[in-house]
PDB file of all heavy atoms in Angstrom:
ATOM      1  N   SER A   1      12.246  -1.030   5.154  1.00  0.00           N
ATOM      2  CA  SER A   1      10.825  -1.270   4.861  1.00  0.00           C
ATOM      3  C   SER A   1      10.098   0.049   4.620  1.00  0.00           C
ATOM      4  O   SER A   1       9.245   0.154   3.722  1.00  0.00           O
ATOM      5  CB  SER A   1      10.172  -2.025   6.018  1.00  0.00           C
ATOM      6  OG  SER A   1      10.680  -3.336   6.124  1.00  0.00           O
ATOM      7  N   ILE A   2      10.424   1.052   5.424  1.00  0.00           N
ATOM      8  CA  ILE A   2       9.798   2.372   5.268  1.00  0.00           C
ATOM      9  C   ILE A   2      10.125   2.954   3.902  1.00  0.00           C
ATOM     10  O   ILE A   2       9.244   3.444   3.183  1.00  0.00           O
ATOM     11  CB  ILE A   2      10.271   3.321   6.387  1.00  0.00           C
ATOM     12  CG1 ILE A   2       9.706   2.856   7.739  1.00  0.00           C
ATOM     13  CG2 ILE A   2       9.836   4.757   6.094  1.00  0.00           C
ATOM     14  CD1 ILE A   2      10.240   3.624   8.926  1.00  0.00           C
ATOM     15  N   LYS A   3      11.386   2.905   3.510  1.00  0.00           N
ATOM     16  CA  LYS A   3      11.807   3.451   2.219  1.00  0.00           C
ATOM     17  C   LYS A   3      11.122   2.733   1.060  1.00  0.00           C
ATOM     18  O   LYS A   3      10.696   3.360   0.087  1.00  0.00           O
ATOM     19  CB  LYS A   3      13.318   3.341   2.064  1.00  0.00           C
ATOM     20  CG  LYS A   3      14.110   4.225   3.006  1.00  0.00           C
ATOM     21  CD  LYS A   3      15.595   4.026   2.752  1.00  0.00           C
ATOM     22  CE  LYS A   3      16.442   4.480   3.896  1.00  0.00           C
ATOM     23  NZ  LYS A   3      17.887   4.256   3.658  1.00  0.00           N
ATOM     24  N   LEU A   4      11.028   1.404   1.146  1.00  0.00           N
ATOM     25  CA  LEU A   4      10.377   0.640   0.082  1.00  0.00           C
ATOM     26  C   LEU A   4       8.901   0.995  -0.025  1.00  0.00           C
ATOM     27  O   LEU A   4       8.352   1.111  -1.130  1.00  0.00           O
ATOM     28  CB  LEU A   4      10.549  -0.859   0.334  1.00  0.00           C
ATOM     29  CG  LEU A   4      11.943  -1.431   0.083  1.00  0.00           C
ATOM     30  CD1 LEU A   4      12.029  -2.871   0.568  1.00  0.00           C
ATOM     31  CD2 LEU A   4      12.292  -1.352  -1.401  1.00  0.00           C
ATOM     32  N   GLY A   5       8.248   1.160   1.111  1.00  0.00           N
ATOM     33  CA  GLY A   5       6.840   1.517   1.102  1.00  0.00           C
ATOM     34  C   GLY A   5       6.606   2.880   0.478  1.00  0.00           C
ATOM     35  O   GLY A   5       5.732   3.054  -0.391  1.00  0.00           O
ATOM     36  N   VAL A   6       7.402   3.869   0.895  1.00  0.00           N
ATOM     37  CA  VAL A   6       7.252   5.237   0.387  1.00  0.00           C
ATOM     38  C   VAL A   6       7.601   5.324  -1.095  1.00  0.00           C
ATOM     39  O   VAL A   6       6.866   5.927  -1.896  1.00  0.00           O
ATOM     40  CB  VAL A   6       8.140   6.210   1.193  1.00  0.00           C
ATOM     41  CG1 VAL A   6       8.142   7.596   0.549  1.00  0.00           C
ATOM     42  CG2 VAL A   6       7.654   6.302   2.637  1.00  0.00           C
ATOM     43  N   SER A   7       8.707   4.725  -1.489  1.00  0.00           N
ATOM     44  CA  SER A   7       9.165   4.834  -2.876  1.00  0.00           C
ATOM     45  C   SER A   7       8.261   4.088  -3.859  1.00  0.00           C
ATOM     46  O   SER A   7       8.263   4.380  -5.063  1.00  0.00           O
ATOM     47  CB  SER A   7      10.610   4.328  -3.011  1.00  0.00           C
ATOM     48  OG  SER A   7      10.703   2.976  -2.606  1.00  0.00           O
ATOM     49  N   ASN A   8       7.467   3.140  -3.363  1.00  0.00           N
ATOM     50  CA  ASN A   8       6.551   2.397  -4.233  1.00  0.00           C
ATOM     51  C   ASN A   8       5.126   2.942  -4.186  1.00  0.00           C
ATOM     52  O   ASN A   8       4.230   2.375  -4.810  1.00  0.00           O
ATOM     53  CB  ASN A   8       6.537   0.920  -3.847  1.00  0.00           C
ATOM     54  CG  ASN A   8       7.722   0.160  -4.409  1.00  0.00           C
ATOM     55  OD1 ASN A   8       7.717  -0.267  -5.555  1.00  0.00           O
ATOM     56  ND2 ASN A   8       8.763   0.009  -3.600  1.00  0.00           N
ATOM     57  N   SER A   9       4.944   4.040  -3.479  1.00  0.00           N
ATOM     58  CA  SER A   9       3.613   4.635  -3.360  1.00  0.00           C
ATOM     59  C   SER A   9       3.429   5.765  -4.364  1.00  0.00           C
ATOM     60  O   SER A   9       4.352   6.525  -4.643  1.00  0.00           O
ATOM     61  CB  SER A   9       3.401   5.174  -1.944  1.00  0.00           C
ATOM     62  OG  SER A   9       2.175   5.880  -1.849  1.00  0.00           O
ATOM     63  N   SER A  10       2.227   5.890  -4.890  1.00  0.00           N
ATOM     64  CA  SER A  10       1.899   6.967  -5.822  1.00  0.00           C
ATOM     65  C   SER A  10       1.174   8.106  -5.107  1.00  0.00           C
ATOM     66  O   SER A  10       0.734   9.068  -5.741  1.00  0.00           O
ATOM     67  CB  SER A  10       1.009   6.430  -6.950  1.00  0.00           C
ATOM     68  OG  SER A  10      -0.188   5.874  -6.420  1.00  0.00           O
ATOM     69  N   ASN A  11       1.063   8.012  -3.794  1.00  0.00           N
ATOM     70  CA  ASN A  11       0.326   9.002  -3.014  1.00  0.00           C
ATOM     71  C   ASN A  11       1.253   9.996  -2.327  1.00  0.00           C
ATOM     72  O   ASN A  11       2.479   9.843  -2.327  1.00  0.00           O
ATOM     73  CB  ASN A  11      -0.542   8.296  -1.968  1.00  0.00           C
ATOM     74  CG  ASN A  11      -1.791   7.696  -2.581  1.00  0.00           C
ATOM     75  OD1 ASN A  11      -2.736   8.396  -2.897  1.00  0.00           O
ATOM     76  ND2 ASN A  11      -1.795   6.388  -2.758  1.00  0.00           N
ATOM     77  N   ASN A  12       0.644  11.008  -1.695  1.00  0.00           N
ATOM     78  CA  ASN A  12       1.425  11.993  -0.957  1.00  0.00           C
ATOM     79  C   ASN A  12       1.134  11.959   0.543  1.00  0.00           C
ATOM     80  O   ASN A  12       1.541  12.847   1.282  1.00  0.00           O
ATOM     81  CB  ASN A  12       1.190  13.413  -1.507  1.00  0.00           C
ATOM     82  CG  ASN A  12      -0.279  13.790  -1.516  1.00  0.00           C
ATOM     83  OD1 ASN A  12      -1.111  13.129  -0.902  1.00  0.00           O
ATOM     84  ND2 ASN A  12      -0.604  14.861  -2.212  1.00  0.00           N
ATOM     85  N   ILE A  13       0.410  10.931   0.959  1.00  0.00           N
ATOM     86  CA  ILE A  13       0.185  10.680   2.381  1.00  0.00           C
ATOM     87  C   ILE A  13       0.436   9.192   2.619  1.00  0.00           C
ATOM     88  O   ILE A  13      -0.057   8.346   1.875  1.00  0.00           O
ATOM     89  CB  ILE A  13      -1.246  11.043   2.825  1.00  0.00           C
ATOM     90  CG1 ILE A  13      -1.504  12.539   2.620  1.00  0.00           C
ATOM     91  CG2 ILE A  13      -1.455  10.689   4.295  1.00  0.00           C
ATOM     92  CD1 ILE A  13      -2.906  12.984   3.012  1.00  0.00           C
ATOM     93  N   TYR A  14       1.196   8.884   3.677  1.00  0.00           N
ATOM     94  CA  TYR A  14       1.590   7.493   3.930  1.00  0.00           C
ATOM     95  C   TYR A  14       1.226   7.099   5.362  1.00  0.00           C
ATOM     96  O   TYR A  14       1.636   7.765   6.313  1.00  0.00           O
ATOM     97  CB  TYR A  14       3.101   7.318   3.744  1.00  0.00           C
ATOM     98  CG  TYR A  14       3.673   8.130   2.598  1.00  0.00           C
ATOM     99  CD1 TYR A  14       4.372   9.299   2.851  1.00  0.00           C
ATOM    100  CD2 TYR A  14       3.487   7.731   1.272  1.00  0.00           C
ATOM    101  CE1 TYR A  14       4.889  10.062   1.812  1.00  0.00           C
ATOM    102  CE2 TYR A  14       3.996   8.485   0.228  1.00  0.00           C
ATOM    103  CZ  TYR A  14       4.691   9.662   0.499  1.00  0.00           C
ATOM    104  OH  TYR A  14       5.196  10.420  -0.527  1.00  0.00           O
ATOM    105  N   MET A  15       0.445   6.042   5.481  1.00  0.00           N
ATOM    106  CA  MET A  15       0.179   5.485   6.809  1.00  0.00           C
ATOM    107  C   MET A  15       0.988   4.209   6.969  1.00  0.00           C
ATOM    108  O   MET A  15       0.957   3.333   6.108  1.00  0.00           O
ATOM    109  CB  MET A  15      -1.299   5.163   7.008  1.00  0.00           C
ATOM    110  CG  MET A  15      -1.586   4.633   8.427  1.00  0.00           C
ATOM    111  SD  MET A  15      -3.322   4.257   8.754  1.00  0.00           S
ATOM    112  CE  MET A  15      -3.466   2.692   7.886  1.00  0.00           C
ATOM    113  N   PHE A  16       1.708   4.117   8.071  1.00  0.00           N
ATOM    114  CA  PHE A  16       2.482   2.918   8.372  1.00  0.00           C
ATOM    115  C   PHE A  16       1.789   2.159   9.493  1.00  0.00           C
ATOM    116  O   PHE A  16       1.504   2.709  10.558  1.00  0.00           O
ATOM    117  CB  PHE A  16       3.901   3.294   8.807  1.00  0.00           C
ATOM    118  CG  PHE A  16       4.674   4.020   7.743  1.00  0.00           C
ATOM    119  CD1 PHE A  16       4.749   5.400   7.742  1.00  0.00           C
ATOM    120  CD2 PHE A  16       5.313   3.320   6.723  1.00  0.00           C
ATOM    121  CE1 PHE A  16       5.455   6.077   6.761  1.00  0.00           C
ATOM    122  CE2 PHE A  16       6.018   3.979   5.732  1.00  0.00           C
ATOM    123  CZ  PHE A  16       6.087   5.369   5.753  1.00  0.00           C
ATOM    124  N   ILE A  17       1.521   0.889   9.236  1.00  0.00           N
ATOM    125  CA  ILE A  17       0.864   0.054  10.240  1.00  0.00           C
ATOM    126  C   ILE A  17       1.590  -1.291  10.284  1.00  0.00           C
ATOM    127  O   ILE A  17       1.924  -1.864   9.246  1.00  0.00           O
ATOM    128  CB  ILE A  17      -0.642  -0.123   9.918  1.00  0.00           C
ATOM    129  CG1 ILE A  17      -1.338  -0.900  11.025  1.00  0.00           C
ATOM    130  CG2 ILE A  17      -0.864  -0.764   8.561  1.00  0.00           C
ATOM    131  CD1 ILE A  17      -2.861  -0.826  10.932  1.00  0.00           C
ATOM    132  N   VAL A  18       1.857  -1.748  11.478  1.00  0.00           N
ATOM    133  CA  VAL A  18       2.579  -3.012  11.638  1.00  0.00           C
ATOM    134  C   VAL A  18       1.579  -4.157  11.725  1.00  0.00           C
ATOM    135  O   VAL A  18       0.409  -3.959  12.061  1.00  0.00           O
ATOM    136  CB  VAL A  18       3.469  -2.983  12.899  1.00  0.00           C
ATOM    137  CG1 VAL A  18       4.580  -1.965  12.736  1.00  0.00           C
ATOM    138  CG2 VAL A  18       2.646  -2.670  14.155  1.00  0.00           C
ATOM    139  N   CYS A  19       2.058  -5.353  11.416  1.00  0.00           N
ATOM    140  CA  CYS A  19       1.164  -6.511  11.405  1.00  0.00           C
ATOM    141  C   CYS A  19       1.268  -7.357  12.663  1.00  0.00           C
ATOM    142  O   CYS A  19       0.751  -8.473  12.703  1.00  0.00           O
ATOM    143  CB  CYS A  19       1.435  -7.368  10.171  1.00  0.00           C
ATOM    144  SG  CYS A  19       0.792  -6.646   8.655  1.00  0.00           S
ATOM    145  N   ASP A  20       1.950  -6.847  13.694  1.00  0.00           N
ATOM    146  CA  ASP A  20       1.980  -7.583  14.953  1.00  0.00           C
ATOM    147  C   ASP A  20       1.066  -6.936  15.991  1.00  0.00           C
ATOM    148  O   ASP A  20       1.267  -7.053  17.184  1.00  0.00           O
ATOM    149  CB  ASP A  20       3.411  -7.708  15.489  1.00  0.00           C
ATOM    150  CG  ASP A  20       4.104  -6.372  15.671  1.00  0.00           C
ATOM    151  OD1 ASP A  20       3.477  -5.333  15.370  1.00  0.00           O
ATOM    152  OD2 ASP A  20       5.272  -6.360  16.119  1.00  0.00           O
ATOM    153  N   GLN A  21       0.027  -6.227  15.488  1.00  0.00           N
ATOM    154  CA  GLN A  21      -1.041  -5.704  16.334  1.00  0.00           C
ATOM    155  C   GLN A  21      -2.372  -6.266  15.830  1.00  0.00           C
ATOM    156  O   GLN A  21      -3.213  -5.546  15.308  1.00  0.00           O
ATOM    157  CB  GLN A  21      -1.064  -4.172  16.294  1.00  0.00           C
ATOM    158  CG  GLN A  21       0.144  -3.511  16.930  1.00  0.00           C
ATOM    159  CD  GLN A  21       0.107  -1.998  16.789  1.00  0.00           C
ATOM    160  OE1 GLN A  21      -0.376  -1.467  15.805  1.00  0.00           O
ATOM    161  NE2 GLN A  21       0.649  -1.308  17.781  1.00  0.00           N
ATOM    162  N   PRO A  22      -2.568  -7.568  15.969  1.00  0.00           N
ATOM    163  CA  PRO A  22      -3.738  -8.212  15.362  1.00  0.00           C
ATOM    164  C   PRO A  22      -5.080  -7.800  15.948  1.00  0.00           C
ATOM    165  O   PRO A  22      -6.122  -8.057  15.341  1.00  0.00           O
ATOM    166  CB  PRO A  22      -3.477  -9.710  15.604  1.00  0.00           C
ATOM    167  CG  PRO A  22      -2.625  -9.743  16.844  1.00  0.00           C
ATOM    168  CD  PRO A  22      -1.734  -8.539  16.714  1.00  0.00           C
ATOM    169  N   TYR A  23      -5.070  -7.151  17.116  1.00  0.00           N
ATOM    170  CA  TYR A  23      -6.337  -6.819  17.769  1.00  0.00           C
ATOM    171  C   TYR A  23      -6.821  -5.405  17.474  1.00  0.00           C
ATOM    172  O   TYR A  23      -7.882  -5.014  17.955  1.00  0.00           O
ATOM    173  CB  TYR A  23      -6.205  -7.026  19.283  1.00  0.00           C
ATOM    174  CG  TYR A  23      -5.902  -8.458  19.657  1.00  0.00           C
ATOM    175  CD1 TYR A  23      -4.667  -8.809  20.196  1.00  0.00           C
ATOM    176  CD2 TYR A  23      -6.841  -9.466  19.446  1.00  0.00           C
ATOM    177  CE1 TYR A  23      -4.383 -10.132  20.520  1.00  0.00           C
ATOM    178  CE2 TYR A  23      -6.566 -10.782  19.763  1.00  0.00           C
ATOM    179  CZ  TYR A  23      -5.335 -11.113  20.303  1.00  0.00           C
ATOM    180  OH  TYR A  23      -5.040 -12.415  20.616  1.00  0.00           O
ATOM    181  N   ILE A  24      -6.055  -4.638  16.722  1.00  0.00           N
ATOM    182  CA  ILE A  24      -6.531  -3.294  16.391  1.00  0.00           C
ATOM    183  C   ILE A  24      -7.763  -3.406  15.500  1.00  0.00           C
ATOM    184  O   ILE A  24      -7.829  -4.236  14.596  1.00  0.00           O
ATOM    185  CB  ILE A  24      -5.419  -2.465  15.705  1.00  0.00           C
ATOM    186  CG1 ILE A  24      -5.831  -0.993  15.648  1.00  0.00           C
ATOM    187  CG2 ILE A  24      -5.093  -2.999  14.319  1.00  0.00           C
ATOM    188  CD1 ILE A  24      -4.699  -0.055  15.300  1.00  0.00           C
ATOM    189  N   LYS A  25      -8.773  -2.572  15.751  1.00  0.00           N
ATOM    190  CA  LYS A  25     -10.048  -2.665  15.045  1.00  0.00           C
ATOM    191  C   LYS A  25     -10.043  -1.852  13.753  1.00  0.00           C
ATOM    192  O   LYS A  25      -9.389  -0.814  13.667  1.00  0.00           O
ATOM    193  CB  LYS A  25     -11.176  -2.176  15.955  1.00  0.00           C
ATOM    194  CG  LYS A  25     -11.360  -2.991  17.222  1.00  0.00           C
ATOM    195  CD  LYS A  25     -12.438  -2.378  18.102  1.00  0.00           C
ATOM    196  CE  LYS A  25     -12.612  -3.157  19.394  1.00  0.00           C
ATOM    197  NZ  LYS A  25     -13.616  -2.518  20.287  1.00  0.00           N
ATOM    198  N   LYS A  26     -10.783  -2.352  12.787  1.00  0.00           N
ATOM    199  CA  LYS A  26     -10.915  -1.626  11.526  1.00  0.00           C
ATOM    200  C   LYS A  26     -11.528  -0.252  11.777  1.00  0.00           C
ATOM    201  O   LYS A  26     -11.117   0.747  11.168  1.00  0.00           O
ATOM    202  CB  LYS A  26     -11.800  -2.415  10.555  1.00  0.00           C
ATOM    203  CG  LYS A  26     -11.938  -1.746   9.178  1.00  0.00           C
ATOM    204  CD  LYS A  26     -12.883  -2.502   8.267  1.00  0.00           C
ATOM    205  CE  LYS A  26     -14.326  -2.280   8.667  1.00  0.00           C
ATOM    206  NZ  LYS A  26     -15.283  -2.854   7.681  1.00  0.00           N
ATOM    207  N   GLU A  27     -12.492  -0.192  12.692  1.00  0.00           N
ATOM    208  CA  GLU A  27     -13.158   1.078  12.995  1.00  0.00           C
ATOM    209  C   GLU A  27     -12.181   2.088  13.587  1.00  0.00           C
ATOM    210  O   GLU A  27     -12.289   3.297  13.345  1.00  0.00           O
ATOM    211  CB  GLU A  27     -14.315   0.838  13.964  1.00  0.00           C
ATOM    212  CG  GLU A  27     -15.477   0.036  13.398  1.00  0.00           C
ATOM    213  CD  GLU A  27     -15.182  -1.459  13.307  1.00  0.00           C
ATOM    214  OE1 GLU A  27     -14.205  -1.915  13.959  1.00  0.00           O
ATOM    215  OE2 GLU A  27     -15.931  -2.174  12.610  1.00  0.00           O
ATOM    216  N   THR A  28     -11.224   1.597  14.361  1.00  0.00           N
ATOM    217  CA  THR A  28     -10.221   2.479  14.959  1.00  0.00           C
ATOM    218  C   THR A  28      -9.328   3.080  13.879  1.00  0.00           C
ATOM    219  O   THR A  28      -9.053   4.285  13.871  1.00  0.00           O
ATOM    220  CB  THR A  28      -9.352   1.697  15.968  1.00  0.00           C
ATOM    221  OG1 THR A  28     -10.181   1.228  17.033  1.00  0.00           O
ATOM    222  CG2 THR A  28      -8.259   2.581  16.544  1.00  0.00           C
ATOM    223  N   ILE A  29      -8.875   2.237  12.951  1.00  0.00           N
ATOM    224  CA  ILE A  29      -8.032   2.721  11.851  1.00  0.00           C
ATOM    225  C   ILE A  29      -8.804   3.729  11.008  1.00  0.00           C
ATOM    226  O   ILE A  29      -8.275   4.765  10.598  1.00  0.00           O
ATOM    227  CB  ILE A  29      -7.568   1.545  10.971  1.00  0.00           C
ATOM    228  CG1 ILE A  29      -6.825   0.500  11.811  1.00  0.00           C
ATOM    229  CG2 ILE A  29      -6.670   2.045   9.841  1.00  0.00           C
ATOM    230  CD1 ILE A  29      -6.517  -0.784  11.066  1.00  0.00           C
ATOM    231  N   ASP A  30     -10.061   3.431  10.757  1.00  0.00           N
ATOM    232  CA  ASP A  30     -10.926   4.292   9.956  1.00  0.00           C
ATOM    233  C   ASP A  30     -11.050   5.681  10.586  1.00  0.00           C
ATOM    234  O   ASP A  30     -10.862   6.713   9.920  1.00  0.00           O
ATOM    235  CB  ASP A  30     -12.300   3.631   9.831  1.00  0.00           C
ATOM    236  CG  ASP A  30     -13.216   4.349   8.850  1.00  0.00           C
ATOM    237  OD1 ASP A  30     -12.741   4.762   7.778  1.00  0.00           O
ATOM    238  OD2 ASP A  30     -14.413   4.496   9.157  1.00  0.00           O
ATOM    239  N   LYS A  31     -11.331   5.727  11.878  1.00  0.00           N
ATOM    240  CA  LYS A  31     -11.485   7.010  12.583  1.00  0.00           C
ATOM    241  C   LYS A  31     -10.167   7.772  12.630  1.00  0.00           C
ATOM    242  O   LYS A  31     -10.143   9.000  12.487  1.00  0.00           O
ATOM    243  CB  LYS A  31     -12.001   6.761  13.998  1.00  0.00           C
ATOM    244  CG  LYS A  31     -13.441   6.284  14.067  1.00  0.00           C
ATOM    245  CD  LYS A  31     -13.869   6.029  15.505  1.00  0.00           C
ATOM    246  CE  LYS A  31     -15.298   5.518  15.573  1.00  0.00           C
ATOM    247  NZ  LYS A  31     -15.705   5.206  16.977  1.00  0.00           N
ATOM    248  N   PHE A  32      -9.083   7.054  12.839  1.00  0.00           N
ATOM    249  CA  PHE A  32      -7.767   7.678  12.879  1.00  0.00           C
ATOM    250  C   PHE A  32      -7.460   8.393  11.571  1.00  0.00           C
ATOM    251  O   PHE A  32      -7.044   9.558  11.540  1.00  0.00           O
ATOM    252  CB  PHE A  32      -6.707   6.617  13.182  1.00  0.00           C
ATOM    253  CG  PHE A  32      -5.280   7.097  13.104  1.00  0.00           C
ATOM    254  CD1 PHE A  32      -4.905   8.313  13.656  1.00  0.00           C
ATOM    255  CD2 PHE A  32      -4.311   6.314  12.483  1.00  0.00           C
ATOM    256  CE1 PHE A  32      -3.579   8.755  13.584  1.00  0.00           C
ATOM    257  CE2 PHE A  32      -2.998   6.734  12.406  1.00  0.00           C
ATOM    258  CZ  PHE A  32      -2.632   7.963  12.948  1.00  0.00           C
ATOM    259  N   ILE A  33      -7.693   7.701  10.456  1.00  0.00           N
ATOM    260  CA  ILE A  33      -7.434   8.286   9.136  1.00  0.00           C
ATOM    261  C   ILE A  33      -8.310   9.515   8.897  1.00  0.00           C
ATOM    262  O   ILE A  33      -7.827  10.582   8.491  1.00  0.00           O
ATOM    263  CB  ILE A  33      -7.666   7.245   8.025  1.00  0.00           C
ATOM    264  CG1 ILE A  33      -6.639   6.116   8.120  1.00  0.00           C
ATOM    265  CG2 ILE A  33      -7.612   7.904   6.640  1.00  0.00           C
ATOM    266  CD1 ILE A  33      -6.912   4.950   7.183  1.00  0.00           C
ATOM    267  N   ASN A  34      -9.605   9.381   9.137  1.00  0.00           N
ATOM    268  CA  ASN A  34     -10.538  10.472   8.857  1.00  0.00           C
ATOM    269  C   ASN A  34     -10.258  11.703   9.713  1.00  0.00           C
ATOM    270  O   ASN A  34     -10.297  12.838   9.221  1.00  0.00           O
ATOM    271  CB  ASN A  34     -11.976   9.996   9.071  1.00  0.00           C
ATOM    272  CG  ASN A  34     -12.407   8.964   8.043  1.00  0.00           C
ATOM    273  OD1 ASN A  34     -11.844   8.890   6.951  1.00  0.00           O
ATOM    274  ND2 ASN A  34     -13.403   8.155   8.375  1.00  0.00           N
ATOM    275  N   GLN A  35      -9.967  11.481  10.985  1.00  0.00           N
ATOM    276  CA  GLN A  35      -9.703  12.613  11.869  1.00  0.00           C
ATOM    277  C   GLN A  35      -8.349  13.257  11.574  1.00  0.00           C
ATOM    278  O   GLN A  35      -8.173  14.461  11.750  1.00  0.00           O
ATOM    279  CB  GLN A  35      -9.801  12.173  13.329  1.00  0.00           C
ATOM    280  CG  GLN A  35     -11.228  11.828  13.741  1.00  0.00           C
ATOM    281  CD  GLN A  35     -11.368  11.538  15.224  1.00  0.00           C
ATOM    282  OE1 GLN A  35     -10.604  12.037  16.045  1.00  0.00           O
ATOM    283  NE2 GLN A  35     -12.355  10.728  15.575  1.00  0.00           N
ATOM    284  N   PHE A  36      -7.401  12.453  11.110  1.00  0.00           N
ATOM    285  CA  PHE A  36      -6.117  13.020  10.716  1.00  0.00           C
ATOM    286  C   PHE A  36      -6.305  13.967   9.532  1.00  0.00           C
ATOM    287  O   PHE A  36      -5.750  15.078   9.514  1.00  0.00           O
ATOM    288  CB  PHE A  36      -5.125  11.921  10.331  1.00  0.00           C
ATOM    289  CG  PHE A  36      -3.881  12.446   9.668  1.00  0.00           C
ATOM    290  CD1 PHE A  36      -2.872  13.030  10.418  1.00  0.00           C
ATOM    291  CD2 PHE A  36      -3.748  12.394   8.283  1.00  0.00           C
ATOM    292  CE1 PHE A  36      -1.741  13.556   9.795  1.00  0.00           C
ATOM    293  CE2 PHE A  36      -2.620  12.909   7.657  1.00  0.00           C
ATOM    294  CZ  PHE A  36      -1.611  13.493   8.416  1.00  0.00           C
ATOM    295  N   VAL A  37      -7.061  13.544   8.538  1.00  0.00           N
ATOM    296  CA  VAL A  37      -7.306  14.375   7.360  1.00  0.00           C
ATOM    297  C   VAL A  37      -7.936  15.704   7.766  1.00  0.00           C
ATOM    298  O   VAL A  37      -7.565  16.779   7.264  1.00  0.00           O
ATOM    299  CB  VAL A  37      -8.197  13.632   6.349  1.00  0.00           C
ATOM    300  CG1 VAL A  37      -8.613  14.561   5.208  1.00  0.00           C
ATOM    301  CG2 VAL A  37      -7.468  12.413   5.782  1.00  0.00           C
ATOM    302  N   LYS A  38      -8.885  15.663   8.687  1.00  0.00           N
ATOM    303  CA  LYS A  38      -9.567  16.869   9.146  1.00  0.00           C
ATOM    304  C   LYS A  38      -8.644  17.770   9.968  1.00  0.00           C
ATOM    305  O   LYS A  38      -8.844  18.984  10.029  1.00  0.00           O
ATOM    306  CB  LYS A  38     -10.789  16.489   9.985  1.00  0.00           C
ATOM    307  CG  LYS A  38     -11.914  15.835   9.198  1.00  0.00           C
ATOM    308  CD  LYS A  38     -13.076  15.469  10.098  1.00  0.00           C
ATOM    309  CE  LYS A  38     -14.191  14.786   9.318  1.00  0.00           C
ATOM    310  NZ  LYS A  38     -15.315  14.391  10.213  1.00  0.00           N
ATOM    311  N   SER A  39      -7.641  17.194  10.587  1.00  0.00           N
ATOM    312  CA  SER A  39      -6.757  17.955  11.477  1.00  0.00           C
ATOM    313  C   SER A  39      -5.860  18.943  10.731  1.00  0.00           C
ATOM    314  O   SER A  39      -5.354  19.903  11.319  1.00  0.00           O
ATOM    315  CB  SER A  39      -5.876  17.002  12.282  1.00  0.00           C
ATOM    316  OG  SER A  39      -4.828  16.464  11.483  1.00  0.00           O
ATOM    317  N   LYS A  40      -5.609  18.683   9.440  1.00  0.00           N
ATOM    318  CA  LYS A  40      -4.727  19.513   8.626  1.00  0.00           C
ATOM    319  C   LYS A  40      -3.272  19.470   9.095  1.00  0.00           C
ATOM    320  O   LYS A  40      -2.452  20.310   8.695  1.00  0.00           O
ATOM    321  CB  LYS A  40      -5.211  20.972   8.604  1.00  0.00           C
ATOM    322  CG  LYS A  40      -6.644  21.157   8.133  1.00  0.00           C
ATOM    323  CD  LYS A  40      -6.853  20.627   6.725  1.00  0.00           C
ATOM    324  CE  LYS A  40      -8.292  20.852   6.264  1.00  0.00           C
ATOM    325  NZ  LYS A  40      -8.542  20.308   4.898  1.00  0.00           N
ATOM    326  N   LYS A  41      -2.944  18.499   9.943  1.00  0.00           N
ATOM    327  CA  LYS A  41      -1.563  18.311  10.374  1.00  0.00           C
ATOM    328  C   LYS A  41      -0.821  17.458   9.350  1.00  0.00           C
ATOM    329  O   LYS A  41      -1.421  16.873   8.446  1.00  0.00           O
ATOM    330  CB  LYS A  41      -1.531  17.624  11.742  1.00  0.00           C
ATOM    331  CG  LYS A  41      -2.161  18.438  12.877  1.00  0.00           C
ATOM    332  CD  LYS A  41      -1.264  19.562  13.325  1.00  0.00           C
ATOM    333  CE  LYS A  41      -1.799  20.230  14.577  1.00  0.00           C
ATOM    334  NZ  LYS A  41      -0.888  21.291  15.079  1.00  0.00           N
ATOM    335  N   ASN A  42       0.488  17.381   9.492  1.00  0.00           N
ATOM    336  CA  ASN A  42       1.297  16.593   8.559  1.00  0.00           C
ATOM    337  C   ASN A  42       1.845  15.311   9.165  1.00  0.00           C
ATOM    338  O   ASN A  42       2.477  14.515   8.473  1.00  0.00           O
ATOM    339  CB  ASN A  42       2.449  17.449   8.028  1.00  0.00           C
ATOM    340  CG  ASN A  42       1.977  18.543   7.105  1.00  0.00           C
ATOM    341  OD1 ASN A  42       1.538  18.291   5.983  1.00  0.00           O
ATOM    342  ND2 ASN A  42       2.038  19.788   7.580  1.00  0.00           N
ATOM    343  N   LEU A  43       1.594  15.115  10.448  1.00  0.00           N
ATOM    344  CA  LEU A  43       1.998  13.897  11.148  1.00  0.00           C
ATOM    345  C   LEU A  43       0.834  13.407  11.987  1.00  0.00           C
ATOM    346  O   LEU A  43       0.085  14.202  12.570  1.00  0.00           O
ATOM    347  CB  LEU A  43       3.200  14.165  12.063  1.00  0.00           C
ATOM    348  CG  LEU A  43       4.520  14.578  11.414  1.00  0.00           C
ATOM    349  CD1 LEU A  43       5.502  15.056  12.476  1.00  0.00           C
ATOM    350  CD2 LEU A  43       5.115  13.409  10.629  1.00  0.00           C
TER     351      LEU A  43
END
């Protein structure tokens, strides 16, 4: 699944999220992405 996701992406950053965490909030994902970008880390 990871390989299919990466190989079908046109981007250079990949977020993997599973669908068996139905209670995770949109706001949480949003903050995670934004703060990751600011961190300048690669993971």
